Amino acid sequence: MHAKCKFAPYIGWGLGRVRVKKDGNMRKEPWDSSDDLARMLRSADFGLPDQVRVMAHMDRQPKTYGQAREVLFSLIGHTMVSRSGLRATISRKSIKKILSGTSVEDSHNYKAHILAAGNIDQLYTNAIEPWNFEMNPNKNNDGLVSVHRLFAPMEYEGIINVVKITIKEIKNPNNGNRIYTIKTLDVFLK
């Protein structure tokens, strides 16, 4: 039934609640529903408990904006691949957006946001894309094919919470997909 669904590998991992149309394609969710949908995520959506604990452990422990910024700049030009196979890179513009005051304030915790920023490559590698979202009709979507919202587990202060990573899929294949921003959510995996 899910042969046409590009997220089919995750159906067996607890994401049976993914909305699939009768033709087997993913139903698009409203662009502003991603934080609410993330509350449905469970540890099993990412793998077995031991696997999730390993995934959620962050290798780097940046404590400051400057340390996170340094890591992000070191990743410019490196292609990252999510578990769903979506390739993306980081640009200087991405770094500015990820570390902007607005982005940090949107996250549930400043220190958790800095930790996520400093480990974006690890988070992206472990990220899943359980839902397909519409693009925000109030924003300029020229040059975009789609906007993807991926989710990854991250341990912070002994608790595994969810980080949302937003990717802009660019029409011009020479420009590639860009990580646009991150947000640590007040969603804790059980």
C-alpha atoms as a PDB file:
ATOM      1  CA  MET A   1       0.000   0.000   0.000  1.00  0.00           C
ATOM      2  CA  HIS A   2       2.839   2.436   0.777  1.00  0.00           C
ATOM      3  CA  ALA A   3       5.021   1.677  -2.246  1.00  0.00           C
ATOM      4  CA  LYS A   4       4.735   5.238  -3.606  1.00  0.00           C
ATOM      5  CA  CYS A   5       5.250   6.852  -0.222  1.00  0.00           C
ATOM      6  CA  LYS A   6       8.815   8.141   0.089  1.00  0.00           C
ATOM      7  CA  PHE A   7       8.565   7.734   3.864  1.00  0.00           C
ATOM      8  CA  ALA A   8       7.581   4.071   3.690  1.00  0.00           C
ATOM      9  CA  PRO A   9      10.654   2.939   5.708  1.00  0.00           C
ATOM     10  CA  TYR A  10       9.244   4.787   8.714  1.00  0.00           C
ATOM     11  CA  ILE A  11       5.752   3.334   8.535  1.00  0.00           C
ATOM     12  CA  GLY A  12       7.013   0.237  10.354  1.00  0.00           C
ATOM     13  CA  TRP A  13       8.730   2.320  13.033  1.00  0.00           C
ATOM     14  CA  GLY A  14       5.607   3.571  14.721  1.00  0.00           C
ATOM     15  CA  LEU A  15       4.584   6.198  12.198  1.00  0.00           C
ATOM     16  CA  GLY A  16       1.484   4.317  11.153  1.00  0.00           C
ATOM     17  CA  ARG A  17      -0.379   7.521  11.924  1.00  0.00           C
ATOM     18  CA  VAL A  18       1.175   9.170   8.858  1.00  0.00           C
ATOM     19  CA  ARG A  19      -1.619  10.274   6.607  1.00  0.00           C
ATOM     20  CA  VAL A  20      -1.431   8.450   3.286  1.00  0.00           C
ATOM     21  CA  LYS A  21      -3.879   9.062   0.430  1.00  0.00           C
ATOM     22  CA  LYS A  22      -5.612   6.156  -1.287  1.00  0.00           C
ATOM     23  CA  ASP A  23      -3.121   6.418  -4.172  1.00  0.00           C
ATOM     24  CA  GLY A  24      -0.261   5.764  -1.735  1.00  0.00           C
ATOM     25  CA  ASN A  25       1.129   9.325  -1.766  1.00  0.00           C
ATOM     26  CA  MET A  26       1.641  11.405   1.361  1.00  0.00           C
ATOM     27  CA  ARG A  27      -1.048  13.905   2.226  1.00  0.00           C
ATOM     28  CA  LYS A  28       0.357  17.408   2.698  1.00  0.00           C
ATOM     29  CA  GLU A  29      -0.106  18.864   6.131  1.00  0.00           C
ATOM     30  CA  PRO A  30      -0.699  22.595   6.688  1.00  0.00           C
ATOM     31  CA  TRP A  31       2.588  24.497   6.792  1.00  0.00           C
ATOM     32  CA  ASP A  32       2.077  25.688  10.353  1.00  0.00           C
ATOM     33  CA  SER A  33       1.240  22.303  11.931  1.00  0.00           C
ATOM     34  CA  SER A  34       4.753  20.878  12.288  1.00  0.00           C
ATOM     35  CA  ASP A  35       5.280  21.733  15.976  1.00  0.00           C
ATOM     36  CA  ASP A  36       1.908  20.231  16.897  1.00  0.00           C
ATOM     37  CA  LEU A  37       2.517  17.091  14.840  1.00  0.00           C
ATOM     38  CA  ALA A  38       5.927  16.668  16.496  1.00  0.00           C
ATOM     39  CA  ARG A  39       4.075  16.022  19.760  1.00  0.00           C
ATOM     40  CA  MET A  40       2.955  12.722  18.209  1.00  0.00           C
ATOM     41  CA  LEU A  41       6.547  11.511  17.813  1.00  0.00           C
ATOM     42  CA  ARG A  42       7.741   8.713  20.046  1.00  0.00           C
ATOM     43  CA  SER A  43      11.182   7.255  20.618  1.00  0.00           C
ATOM     44  CA  ALA A  44      10.195   4.202  18.536  1.00  0.00           C
ATOM     45  CA  ASP A  45       9.749   6.476  15.502  1.00  0.00           C
ATOM     46  CA  PHE A  46      13.543   6.885  15.443  1.00  0.00           C
ATOM     47  CA  GLY A  47      14.522   3.302  16.228  1.00  0.00           C
ATOM     48  CA  LEU A  48      15.075   0.924  19.108  1.00  0.00           C
ATOM     49  CA  PRO A  49      15.663   2.445  22.574  1.00  0.00           C
ATOM     50  CA  ASP A  50      19.431   1.774  22.575  1.00  0.00           C
ATOM     51  CA  GLN A  51      19.763   3.205  19.055  1.00  0.00           C
ATOM     52  CA  VAL A  52      17.873   6.351  20.004  1.00  0.00           C
ATOM     53  CA  ARG A  53      20.045   6.921  23.097  1.00  0.00           C
ATOM     54  CA  VAL A  54      23.171   6.707  20.902  1.00  0.00           C
ATOM     55  CA  MET A  55      21.639   9.015  18.265  1.00  0.00           C
ATOM     56  CA  ALA A  56      20.547  11.538  20.868  1.00  0.00           C
ATOM     57  CA  HIS A  57      23.974  11.826  22.505  1.00  0.00           C
ATOM     58  CA  MET A  58      25.648  14.905  21.046  1.00  0.00           C
ATOM     59  CA  ASP A  59      29.353  14.513  20.273  1.00  0.00           C
ATOM     60  CA  ARG A  60      30.147  18.221  20.614  1.00  0.00           C
ATOM     61  CA  GLN A  61      29.221  20.273  23.658  1.00  0.00           C
ATOM     62  CA  PRO A  62      29.297  23.912  22.551  1.00  0.00           C
ATOM     63  CA  LYS A  63      28.463  26.234  25.429  1.00  0.00           C
ATOM     64  CA  THR A  64      28.489  29.575  23.635  1.00  0.00           C
ATOM     65  CA  TYR A  65      27.129  31.236  20.532  1.00  0.00           C
ATOM     66  CA  GLY A  66      30.712  31.605  19.271  1.00  0.00           C
ATOM     67  CA  GLN A  67      31.519  27.914  19.665  1.00  0.00           C
ATOM     68  CA  ALA A  68      28.333  26.905  17.809  1.00  0.00           C
ATOM     69  CA  ARG A  69      29.073  29.458  15.086  1.00  0.00           C
ATOM     70  CA  GLU A  70      32.592  28.080  14.644  1.00  0.00           C
ATOM     71  CA  VAL A  71      31.235  24.535  14.151  1.00  0.00           C
ATOM     72  CA  LEU A  72      28.600  25.752  11.681  1.00  0.00           C
ATOM     73  CA  PHE A  73      31.193  27.606   9.602  1.00  0.00           C
ATOM     74  CA  SER A  74      33.350  24.467   9.489  1.00  0.00           C
ATOM     75  CA  LEU A  75      30.399  22.645   7.857  1.00  0.00           C
ATOM     76  CA  ILE A  76      29.967  25.024   4.911  1.00  0.00           C
ATOM     77  CA  GLY A  77      30.308  23.039   1.694  1.00  0.00           C
ATOM     78  CA  HIS A  78      29.719  19.638   3.331  1.00  0.00           C
ATOM     79  CA  THR A  79      26.693  17.738   2.046  1.00  0.00           C
ATOM     80  CA  MET A  80      24.616  16.085   4.742  1.00  0.00           C
ATOM     81  CA  VAL A  81      22.090  13.298   4.118  1.00  0.00           C
ATOM     82  CA  SER A  82      19.062  12.664   6.339  1.00  0.00           C
ATOM     83  CA  ARG A  83      17.663   9.213   7.092  1.00  0.00           C
ATOM     84  CA  SER A  84      14.974   9.870   4.482  1.00  0.00           C
ATOM     85  CA  GLY A  85      17.710  10.507   1.881  1.00  0.00           C
ATOM     86  CA  LEU A  86      17.303  14.296   1.621  1.00  0.00           C
ATOM     87  CA  ARG A  87      20.630  15.959   0.840  1.00  0.00           C
ATOM     88  CA  ALA A  88      21.344  19.458   2.166  1.00  0.00           C
ATOM     89  CA  THR A  89      24.136  21.895   2.892  1.00  0.00           C
ATOM     90  CA  ILE A  90      24.667  24.897   5.125  1.00  0.00           C
ATOM     91  CA  SER A  91      25.468  28.359   3.819  1.00  0.00           C
ATOM     92  CA  ARG A  92      26.555  31.587   5.501  1.00  0.00           C
ATOM     93  CA  LYS A  93      22.961  32.765   5.190  1.00  0.00           C
ATOM     94  CA  SER A  94      21.802  29.556   6.943  1.00  0.00           C
ATOM     95  CA  ILE A  95      24.211  30.166   9.796  1.00  0.00           C
ATOM     96  CA  LYS A  96      22.947  33.713  10.222  1.00  0.00           C
ATOM     97  CA  LYS A  97      19.353  32.446  10.343  1.00  0.00           C
ATOM     98  CA  ILE A  98      20.110  29.491  12.671  1.00  0.00           C
ATOM     99  CA  LEU A  99      21.860  31.751  15.184  1.00  0.00           C
ATOM    100  CA  SER A 100      19.546  34.753  14.808  1.00  0.00           C
ATOM    101  CA  GLY A 101      17.772  36.080  17.861  1.00  0.00           C
ATOM    102  CA  THR A 102      14.411  35.114  16.377  1.00  0.00           C
ATOM    103  CA  SER A 103      15.467  31.521  15.800  1.00  0.00           C
ATOM    104  CA  VAL A 104      16.984  31.196  19.270  1.00  0.00           C
ATOM    105  CA  GLU A 105      13.891  32.732  20.875  1.00  0.00           C
ATOM    106  CA  ASP A 106      11.632  30.278  19.001  1.00  0.00           C
ATOM    107  CA  SER A 107      13.482  27.358  20.572  1.00  0.00           C
ATOM    108  CA  HIS A 108      12.306  26.204  23.976  1.00  0.00           C
ATOM    109  CA  ASN A 109      15.740  26.706  25.555  1.00  0.00           C
ATOM    110  CA  TYR A 110      18.753  28.858  24.601  1.00  0.00           C
ATOM    111  CA  LYS A 111      21.398  26.344  25.722  1.00  0.00           C
ATOM    112  CA  ALA A 112      19.610  23.484  23.951  1.00  0.00           C
ATOM    113  CA  HIS A 113      19.495  25.593  20.778  1.00  0.00           C
ATOM    114  CA  ILE A 114      23.255  26.231  20.960  1.00  0.00           C
ATOM    115  CA  LEU A 115      23.849  22.495  21.502  1.00  0.00           C
ATOM    116  CA  ALA A 116      21.679  21.674  18.469  1.00  0.00           C
ATOM    117  CA  ALA A 117      23.404  24.292  16.296  1.00  0.00           C
ATOM    118  CA  GLY A 118      26.818  22.905  17.215  1.00  0.00           C
ATOM    119  CA  ASN A 119      25.714  19.370  16.280  1.00  0.00           C
ATOM    120  CA  ILE A 120      23.596  20.098  13.202  1.00  0.00           C
ATOM    121  CA  ASP A 121      25.471  17.539  11.094  1.00  0.00           C
ATOM    122  CA  GLN A 122      24.807  14.732  13.585  1.00  0.00           C
ATOM    123  CA  LEU A 123      21.180  15.788  14.035  1.00  0.00           C
ATOM    124  CA  TYR A 124      20.632  15.959  10.289  1.00  0.00           C
ATOM    125  CA  THR A 125      22.085  12.491   9.747  1.00  0.00           C
ATOM    126  CA  ASN A 126      19.608  11.105  12.302  1.00  0.00           C
ATOM    127  CA  ALA A 127      16.628  13.185  11.138  1.00  0.00           C
ATOM    128  CA  ILE A 128      13.423  11.659   9.819  1.00  0.00           C
ATOM    129  CA  GLU A 129      10.764  13.292   7.680  1.00  0.00           C
ATOM    130  CA  PRO A 130       7.484  11.718   8.763  1.00  0.00           C
ATOM    131  CA  TRP A 131       5.207  14.330   7.212  1.00  0.00           C
ATOM    132  CA  ASN A 132       5.039  16.360   4.033  1.00  0.00           C
ATOM    133  CA  PHE A 133       4.039  20.012   4.517  1.00  0.00           C
ATOM    134  CA  GLU A 134       2.519  22.678   2.320  1.00  0.00           C
ATOM    135  CA  MET A 135       4.589  25.821   1.809  1.00  0.00           C
ATOM    136  CA  ASN A 136       3.617  28.940   3.741  1.00  0.00           C
ATOM    137  CA  PRO A 137       1.446  30.932   1.308  1.00  0.00           C
ATOM    138  CA  ASN A 138       2.355  34.175   3.120  1.00  0.00           C
ATOM    139  CA  LYS A 139       6.046  33.881   2.226  1.00  0.00           C
ATOM    140  CA  ASN A 140       7.927  34.309  -1.037  1.00  0.00           C
ATOM    141  CA  ASN A 141       8.261  30.769  -2.387  1.00  0.00           C
ATOM    142  CA  ASP A 142       9.837  31.763  -5.712  1.00  0.00           C
ATOM    143  CA  GLY A 143      12.713  29.457  -6.539  1.00  0.00           C
ATOM    144  CA  LEU A 144      11.521  26.737  -4.156  1.00  0.00           C
ATOM    145  CA  VAL A 145      10.276  23.270  -4.940  1.00  0.00           C
ATOM    146  CA  SER A 146       9.321  22.511  -1.352  1.00  0.00           C
ATOM    147  CA  VAL A 147      10.039  23.214   2.287  1.00  0.00           C
ATOM    148  CA  HIS A 148      10.855  20.111   4.353  1.00  0.00           C
ATOM    149  CA  ARG A 149      10.593  19.763   8.103  1.00  0.00           C
ATOM    150  CA  LEU A 150      12.688  16.999   9.602  1.00  0.00           C
ATOM    151  CA  PHE A 151      12.902  15.882  13.215  1.00  0.00           C
ATOM    152  CA  ALA A 152      15.821  14.452  15.195  1.00  0.00           C
ATOM    153  CA  PRO A 153      16.352  13.292  18.790  1.00  0.00           C
ATOM    154  CA  MET A 154      18.778  15.211  21.018  1.00  0.00           C
ATOM    155  CA  GLU A 155      19.701  14.584  24.627  1.00  0.00           C
ATOM    156  CA  TYR A 156      19.801  17.723  26.723  1.00  0.00           C
ATOM    157  CA  GLU A 157      20.216  17.621  30.507  1.00  0.00           C
ATOM    158  CA  GLY A 158      19.455  13.900  30.614  1.00  0.00           C
ATOM    159  CA  ILE A 159      16.207  14.123  28.628  1.00  0.00           C
ATOM    160  CA  ILE A 160      15.758  13.305  24.942  1.00  0.00           C
ATOM    161  CA  ASN A 161      13.860  16.033  23.167  1.00  0.00           C
ATOM    162  CA  VAL A 162      13.074  16.733  19.527  1.00  0.00           C
ATOM    163  CA  VAL A 163      14.832  19.198  17.238  1.00  0.00           C
ATOM    164  CA  LYS A 164      13.028  20.423  14.124  1.00  0.00           C
ATOM    165  CA  ILE A 165      15.207  21.170  11.097  1.00  0.00           C
ATOM    166  CA  THR A 166      13.716  23.164   8.233  1.00  0.00           C
ATOM    167  CA  ILE A 167      15.140  22.622   4.730  1.00  0.00           C
ATOM    168  CA  LYS A 168      14.482  24.675   1.623  1.00  0.00           C
ATOM    169  CA  GLU A 169      14.484  22.550  -1.533  1.00  0.00           C
ATOM    170  CA  ILE A 170      15.698  24.868  -4.297  1.00  0.00           C
ATOM    171  CA  LYS A 171      14.427  24.636  -7.902  1.00  0.00           C
ATOM    172  CA  ASN A 172      17.890  25.242  -9.356  1.00  0.00           C
ATOM    173  CA  PRO A 173      19.714  21.927  -8.795  1.00  0.00           C
ATOM    174  CA  ASN A 174      23.080  23.742  -8.907  1.00  0.00           C
ATOM    175  CA  ASN A 175      22.172  25.519  -5.675  1.00  0.00           C
ATOM    176  CA  GLY A 176      21.206  22.347  -3.824  1.00  0.00           C
ATOM    177  CA  ASN A 177      18.977  22.145  -0.770  1.00  0.00           C
ATOM    178  CA  ARG A 178      19.753  24.405   2.167  1.00  0.00           C
ATOM    179  CA  ILE A 179      19.290  23.939   5.860  1.00  0.00           C
ATOM    180  CA  TYR A 180      17.239  27.009   6.652  1.00  0.00           C
ATOM    181  CA  THR A 181      16.825  26.889  10.400  1.00  0.00           C
ATOM    182  CA  ILE A 182      16.548  24.702  13.496  1.00  0.00           C
ATOM    183  CA  LYS A 183      14.277  24.790  16.504  1.00  0.00           C
ATOM    184  CA  THR A 184      14.494  22.826  19.728  1.00  0.00           C
ATOM    185  CA  LEU A 185      10.965  21.840  20.663  1.00  0.00           C
ATOM    186  CA  ASP A 186       9.465  21.242  24.083  1.00  0.00           C
ATOM    187  CA  VAL A 187       8.699  17.723  22.886  1.00  0.00           C
ATOM    188  CA  PHE A 188      10.269  14.982  24.948  1.00  0.00           C
ATOM    189  CA  LEU A 189      10.551  11.426  23.654  1.00  0.00           C
ATOM    190  CA  LYS A 190       9.194   8.534  25.655  1.00  0.00           C
END
